């Protein structure tokens, strides 16, 4: 079973965290069954944490977990912090395949999206 964990920064503003959760729910609907489980996780300031979300989907039966950073640039969080959080999950549930996907800002789809937003 495959799972997708979408990682956002997290905010003190709960409405922002809820916005991420709603986006992830829409992503789950759009995934067309590519992932048995799709959930949100947060680097800080909100729950669930990245390791907790990964462990949860593994406990639900996932043997392969894709972690998708919902970040615009490859700063410290993408380059260092998220991989370290994945390592914490692997300590708790060794032997599961975890793939760190590219971050949102690295996608070629970002340029047309930004242009569409600017024109609207």
N, C-alpha and C. Protein backbone atom coordinates (compact mmCIF):
# COMPACT_ATOMS: atom_id res chain seq x y z
N UNK A 1 0.84 -1.18 0.00
CA UNK A 1 0.00 0.00 0.00
C UNK A 1 0.88 1.24 0.00
N UNK A 2 0.49 2.23 -0.80
CA UNK A 2 1.24 3.49 -0.90
C UNK A 2 0.52 4.59 -0.13
N UNK A 3 1.32 5.46 0.47
CA UNK A 3 0.77 6.61 1.20
C UNK A 3 1.52 7.86 0.76
N UNK A 4 0.83 8.99 0.85
CA UNK A 4 1.41 10.29 0.55
C UNK A 4 1.25 11.18 1.78
N UNK A 5 2.38 11.73 2.24
CA UNK A 5 2.38 12.67 3.36
C UNK A 5 2.83 14.02 2.81
N UNK A 6 1.93 14.99 2.82
CA UNK A 6 2.23 16.33 2.32
C UNK A 6 2.68 17.18 3.51
N UNK A 7 3.90 17.70 3.42
CA UNK A 7 4.49 18.43 4.54
C UNK A 7 4.47 19.93 4.29
N UNK A 8 3.86 20.65 5.21
CA UNK A 8 3.87 22.12 5.20
C UNK A 8 4.62 22.60 6.44
N UNK A 9 4.91 23.88 6.47
CA UNK A 9 5.66 24.43 7.60
C UNK A 9 4.88 24.34 8.91
N UNK A 10 3.63 24.75 8.88
CA UNK A 10 2.85 24.88 10.11
C UNK A 10 2.81 26.34 10.51
N UNK A 11 1.73 26.72 11.15
CA UNK A 11 1.52 28.12 11.49
C UNK A 11 0.87 28.25 12.86
N UNK A 12 1.13 29.35 13.53
CA UNK A 12 0.41 29.65 14.76
C UNK A 12 -1.06 29.98 14.46
N UNK A 13 -1.30 30.38 13.23
CA UNK A 13 -2.66 30.72 12.78
C UNK A 13 -3.35 29.43 12.32
N UNK A 14 -4.26 28.93 13.12
CA UNK A 14 -4.90 27.64 12.84
C UNK A 14 -5.62 27.64 11.49
N UNK A 15 -6.15 28.77 11.07
CA UNK A 15 -6.82 28.83 9.76
C UNK A 15 -5.85 28.47 8.63
N UNK A 16 -4.60 28.83 8.76
CA UNK A 16 -3.60 28.47 7.75
C UNK A 16 -3.34 26.97 7.74
N UNK A 17 -3.26 26.37 8.91
CA UNK A 17 -3.08 24.92 9.00
C UNK A 17 -4.28 24.19 8.40
N UNK A 18 -5.46 24.71 8.67
CA UNK A 18 -6.67 24.10 8.13
C UNK A 18 -6.71 24.23 6.61
N UNK A 19 -6.21 25.33 6.09
CA UNK A 19 -6.13 25.51 4.64
C UNK A 19 -5.27 24.41 4.00
N UNK A 20 -4.17 24.07 4.65
CA UNK A 20 -3.31 22.99 4.16
C UNK A 20 -4.06 21.66 4.22
N UNK A 21 -4.73 21.40 5.32
CA UNK A 21 -5.49 20.14 5.45
C UNK A 21 -6.56 20.03 4.37
N UNK A 22 -7.23 21.13 4.06
CA UNK A 22 -8.25 21.13 3.01
C UNK A 22 -7.63 20.89 1.64
N UNK A 23 -6.48 21.50 1.38
CA UNK A 23 -5.77 21.27 0.12
C UNK A 23 -5.40 19.79 -0.01
N UNK A 24 -4.92 19.21 1.06
CA UNK A 24 -4.52 17.80 1.04
C UNK A 24 -5.74 16.91 0.82
N UNK A 25 -6.87 17.26 1.38
CA UNK A 25 -8.10 16.48 1.15
C UNK A 25 -8.49 16.54 -0.33
N UNK A 26 -8.37 17.71 -0.95
CA UNK A 26 -8.67 17.84 -2.38
C UNK A 26 -7.65 17.07 -3.22
N UNK A 27 -6.40 17.07 -2.79
CA UNK A 27 -5.36 16.30 -3.47
C UNK A 27 -5.68 14.81 -3.41
N UNK A 28 -6.13 14.36 -2.27
CA UNK A 28 -6.52 12.96 -2.10
C UNK A 28 -7.63 12.60 -3.09
N UNK A 29 -8.63 13.46 -3.21
CA UNK A 29 -9.73 13.22 -4.16
C UNK A 29 -9.23 13.19 -5.60
N UNK A 30 -8.24 14.03 -5.91
CA UNK A 30 -7.72 14.13 -7.27
C UNK A 30 -6.73 13.03 -7.61
N UNK A 31 -6.21 12.35 -6.62
CA UNK A 31 -5.14 11.36 -6.84
C UNK A 31 -5.64 10.11 -7.55
N UNK A 32 -6.93 9.94 -7.61
CA UNK A 32 -7.48 8.82 -8.34
C UNK A 32 -7.05 7.46 -7.82
N UNK A 33 -6.87 7.36 -6.52
CA UNK A 33 -6.49 6.08 -5.94
C UNK A 33 -5.02 5.74 -6.06
N UNK A 34 -4.19 6.69 -6.50
CA UNK A 34 -2.75 6.43 -6.59
C UNK A 34 -2.14 6.13 -5.24
N UNK A 35 -2.75 6.69 -4.19
CA UNK A 35 -2.29 6.49 -2.82
C UNK A 35 -3.47 6.03 -1.98
N UNK A 36 -3.26 5.00 -1.18
CA UNK A 36 -4.33 4.51 -0.32
C UNK A 36 -4.62 5.51 0.80
N UNK A 37 -3.60 6.22 1.22
CA UNK A 37 -3.74 7.20 2.30
C UNK A 37 -3.01 8.47 1.87
N UNK A 38 -3.67 9.62 2.04
CA UNK A 38 -3.06 10.93 1.79
C UNK A 38 -3.33 11.77 3.03
N UNK A 39 -2.27 12.34 3.60
CA UNK A 39 -2.47 13.15 4.81
C UNK A 39 -1.50 14.32 4.84
N UNK A 40 -1.81 15.26 5.71
CA UNK A 40 -0.95 16.43 5.93
C UNK A 40 -0.09 16.18 7.16
N UNK A 41 1.08 16.81 7.15
CA UNK A 41 1.97 16.82 8.32
C UNK A 41 2.63 18.20 8.36
N UNK A 42 3.14 18.54 9.53
CA UNK A 42 3.70 19.87 9.70
C UNK A 42 5.08 19.80 10.35
N UNK A 43 5.96 20.66 9.86
CA UNK A 43 7.32 20.72 10.39
C UNK A 43 7.33 21.25 11.81
N UNK A 44 6.50 22.25 12.06
CA UNK A 44 6.43 22.81 13.41
C UNK A 44 5.11 23.56 13.58
N UNK A 45 4.77 23.87 14.80
CA UNK A 45 3.64 24.72 15.16
C UNK A 45 2.26 24.11 14.95
N UNK A 46 2.18 22.90 14.41
CA UNK A 46 0.88 22.26 14.17
C UNK A 46 1.08 20.75 14.20
N UNK A 47 -0.02 20.05 14.30
CA UNK A 47 0.00 18.59 14.35
C UNK A 47 -0.76 18.03 13.16
N UNK A 48 -0.38 16.85 12.72
CA UNK A 48 0.64 15.97 13.27
C UNK A 48 2.04 16.37 12.82
N UNK A 49 3.01 15.96 13.58
CA UNK A 49 4.40 16.15 13.17
C UNK A 49 4.71 15.23 12.00
N UNK A 50 5.80 15.46 11.35
CA UNK A 50 6.19 14.61 10.21
C UNK A 50 6.39 13.16 10.65
N UNK A 51 7.20 12.90 11.70
CA UNK A 51 7.36 11.51 12.11
C UNK A 51 6.05 10.85 12.53
N UNK A 52 5.20 11.58 13.25
CA UNK A 52 3.93 11.00 13.68
C UNK A 52 3.04 10.64 12.49
N UNK A 53 3.00 11.51 11.48
CA UNK A 53 2.17 11.23 10.30
C UNK A 53 2.72 10.02 9.54
N UNK A 54 4.03 9.95 9.39
CA UNK A 54 4.63 8.81 8.69
C UNK A 54 4.36 7.51 9.44
N UNK A 55 4.57 7.52 10.74
CA UNK A 55 4.31 6.32 11.54
C UNK A 55 2.85 5.93 11.45
N UNK A 56 1.96 6.91 11.46
CA UNK A 56 0.52 6.62 11.37
C UNK A 56 0.17 5.91 10.06
N UNK A 57 0.68 6.40 8.93
CA UNK A 57 0.34 5.75 7.66
C UNK A 57 0.97 4.37 7.55
N UNK A 58 2.15 4.20 8.13
CA UNK A 58 2.77 2.87 8.17
C UNK A 58 1.92 1.92 9.00
N UNK A 59 1.46 2.41 10.14
CA UNK A 59 0.61 1.58 11.01
C UNK A 59 -0.72 1.24 10.34
N UNK A 60 -1.13 2.06 9.36
CA UNK A 60 -2.35 1.76 8.59
C UNK A 60 -2.08 0.76 7.47
N UNK A 61 -0.80 0.39 7.29
CA UNK A 61 -0.45 -0.63 6.30
C UNK A 61 0.42 -0.18 5.16
N UNK A 62 0.84 1.07 5.14
CA UNK A 62 1.67 1.56 4.04
C UNK A 62 3.05 0.91 4.09
N UNK A 63 3.47 0.38 2.97
CA UNK A 63 4.82 -0.16 2.84
C UNK A 63 5.73 0.77 2.06
N UNK A 64 5.12 1.76 1.43
CA UNK A 64 5.86 2.78 0.68
C UNK A 64 5.22 4.13 0.99
N UNK A 65 6.03 5.07 1.45
CA UNK A 65 5.53 6.40 1.82
C UNK A 65 6.27 7.44 0.99
N UNK A 66 5.52 8.29 0.32
CA UNK A 66 6.10 9.44 -0.38
C UNK A 66 5.84 10.67 0.48
N UNK A 67 6.91 11.42 0.74
CA UNK A 67 6.82 12.66 1.50
C UNK A 67 6.98 13.80 0.50
N UNK A 68 5.96 14.65 0.41
CA UNK A 68 5.93 15.75 -0.56
C UNK A 68 6.02 17.09 0.17
N UNK A 69 7.16 17.78 0.08
CA UNK A 69 7.28 19.09 0.73
C UNK A 69 6.46 20.15 -0.01
N UNK A 70 5.56 20.78 0.71
CA UNK A 70 4.74 21.86 0.17
C UNK A 70 5.45 23.18 0.51
N UNK A 71 6.60 23.38 -0.15
CA UNK A 71 7.47 24.53 0.07
C UNK A 71 7.85 25.11 -1.30
N UNK A 72 8.12 26.40 -1.35
CA UNK A 72 8.44 27.05 -2.61
C UNK A 72 9.93 27.07 -2.95
N UNK A 73 10.79 26.92 -1.96
CA UNK A 73 12.22 26.95 -2.25
C UNK A 73 12.95 25.92 -1.40
N UNK A 74 14.16 25.61 -1.82
CA UNK A 74 14.96 24.58 -1.15
C UNK A 74 15.81 25.20 -0.05
N UNK A 75 15.14 25.81 0.91
CA UNK A 75 15.86 26.35 2.07
C UNK A 75 16.21 25.24 3.04
N UNK A 76 16.60 25.64 4.23
CA UNK A 76 17.03 24.70 5.27
C UNK A 76 15.96 23.65 5.58
N UNK A 77 14.71 24.06 5.60
CA UNK A 77 13.65 23.09 5.93
C UNK A 77 13.60 21.95 4.92
N UNK A 78 13.67 22.28 3.63
CA UNK A 78 13.61 21.25 2.60
C UNK A 78 14.92 20.45 2.55
N UNK A 79 16.04 21.14 2.63
CA UNK A 79 17.34 20.48 2.47
C UNK A 79 17.77 19.67 3.68
N UNK A 80 17.41 20.12 4.88
CA UNK A 80 17.94 19.49 6.09
C UNK A 80 16.86 19.01 7.05
N UNK A 81 15.93 19.88 7.39
CA UNK A 81 14.98 19.57 8.46
C UNK A 81 14.02 18.44 8.11
N UNK A 82 13.43 18.47 6.92
CA UNK A 82 12.48 17.41 6.55
C UNK A 82 13.18 16.05 6.46
N UNK A 83 14.36 15.95 5.82
CA UNK A 83 15.04 14.65 5.85
C UNK A 83 15.35 14.16 7.26
N UNK A 84 15.68 15.06 8.17
CA UNK A 84 15.95 14.67 9.56
C UNK A 84 14.69 14.14 10.23
N UNK A 85 13.54 14.74 9.93
CA UNK A 85 12.27 14.27 10.48
C UNK A 85 11.90 12.89 9.91
N UNK A 86 12.19 12.68 8.64
CA UNK A 86 11.96 11.36 8.04
C UNK A 86 12.83 10.31 8.74
N UNK A 87 14.06 10.66 9.02
CA UNK A 87 14.96 9.74 9.74
C UNK A 87 14.40 9.36 11.11
N UNK A 88 13.76 10.31 11.79
CA UNK A 88 13.13 10.01 13.09
C UNK A 88 12.03 8.97 12.93
N UNK A 89 11.27 9.07 11.85
CA UNK A 89 10.22 8.08 11.60
C UNK A 89 10.82 6.72 11.30
N UNK A 90 11.92 6.70 10.56
CA UNK A 90 12.56 5.42 10.22
C UNK A 90 13.12 4.72 11.45
N UNK A 91 13.53 5.47 12.45
CA UNK A 91 13.98 4.87 13.70
C UNK A 91 12.81 4.14 14.37
N UNK A 92 11.63 4.75 14.29
CA UNK A 92 10.44 4.17 14.92
C UNK A 92 9.86 3.02 14.10
N UNK A 93 9.99 3.07 12.78
CA UNK A 93 9.44 2.04 11.90
C UNK A 93 10.47 1.73 10.80
N UNK A 94 11.54 1.00 11.16
CA UNK A 94 12.57 0.69 10.17
C UNK A 94 12.05 -0.26 9.09
N UNK A 95 12.70 -0.22 7.95
CA UNK A 95 12.39 -1.16 6.90
C UNK A 95 11.32 -0.73 5.93
N UNK A 96 10.72 0.42 6.12
CA UNK A 96 9.70 0.90 5.20
C UNK A 96 10.37 1.83 4.19
N UNK A 97 9.96 1.73 2.94
CA UNK A 97 10.52 2.58 1.91
C UNK A 97 9.87 3.97 1.98
N UNK A 98 10.70 4.99 2.17
CA UNK A 98 10.22 6.37 2.22
C UNK A 98 10.95 7.16 1.14
N UNK A 99 10.18 7.79 0.28
CA UNK A 99 10.72 8.59 -0.83
C UNK A 99 10.42 10.06 -0.57
N UNK A 100 11.44 10.89 -0.61
CA UNK A 100 11.27 12.34 -0.48
C UNK A 100 11.12 12.92 -1.88
N UNK A 101 9.93 13.40 -2.21
CA UNK A 101 9.65 13.98 -3.52
C UNK A 101 10.23 15.39 -3.61
N UNK A 102 10.24 15.94 -4.80
CA UNK A 102 10.69 17.31 -4.98
C UNK A 102 9.72 18.28 -4.32
N UNK A 103 10.21 19.45 -3.98
CA UNK A 103 9.39 20.46 -3.34
C UNK A 103 8.58 21.20 -4.40
N UNK A 104 7.48 21.79 -4.00
CA UNK A 104 6.52 22.39 -4.93
C UNK A 104 7.16 23.44 -5.84
N UNK A 105 8.01 24.27 -5.30
CA UNK A 105 8.62 25.34 -6.09
C UNK A 105 9.55 24.86 -7.18
N UNK A 106 9.98 23.60 -7.12
CA UNK A 106 10.89 23.07 -8.14
C UNK A 106 10.16 22.58 -9.39
N UNK A 107 8.84 22.54 -9.34
CA UNK A 107 8.05 22.01 -10.44
C UNK A 107 8.01 22.96 -11.63
N UNK A 108 8.11 22.40 -12.84
CA UNK A 108 7.97 23.20 -14.06
C UNK A 108 6.57 23.79 -14.17
N UNK A 109 5.61 23.21 -13.49
CA UNK A 109 4.24 23.72 -13.52
C UNK A 109 4.11 25.04 -12.75
N UNK A 110 5.13 25.41 -11.99
CA UNK A 110 5.06 26.62 -11.17
C UNK A 110 5.02 27.88 -12.04
N UNK A 111 5.79 27.92 -13.12
CA UNK A 111 5.83 29.13 -13.95
C UNK A 111 4.48 29.47 -14.55
N UNK A 112 3.81 28.53 -15.24
CA UNK A 112 2.49 28.88 -15.76
C UNK A 112 1.48 29.21 -14.66
N UNK A 113 1.60 28.54 -13.53
CA UNK A 113 0.70 28.84 -12.42
C UNK A 113 0.88 30.28 -11.95
N UNK A 114 2.12 30.70 -11.76
CA UNK A 114 2.38 32.06 -11.31
C UNK A 114 1.90 33.09 -12.35
N UNK A 115 2.13 32.80 -13.62
CA UNK A 115 1.66 33.72 -14.66
C UNK A 115 0.14 33.80 -14.68
N UNK A 116 -0.53 32.68 -14.51
CA UNK A 116 -2.00 32.69 -14.46
C UNK A 116 -2.51 33.50 -13.27
N UNK A 117 -1.85 33.35 -12.13
CA UNK A 117 -2.24 34.13 -10.96
C UNK A 117 -2.02 35.63 -11.19
N UNK A 118 -0.92 35.97 -11.82
CA UNK A 118 -0.62 37.38 -12.06
C UNK A 118 -1.59 38.02 -13.04
N UNK A 119 -2.11 37.23 -13.96
CA UNK A 119 -3.04 37.74 -14.96
C UNK A 119 -4.47 37.80 -14.46
N UNK A 120 -4.76 37.15 -13.36
CA UNK A 120 -6.15 37.11 -12.89
C UNK A 120 -6.52 38.30 -12.05
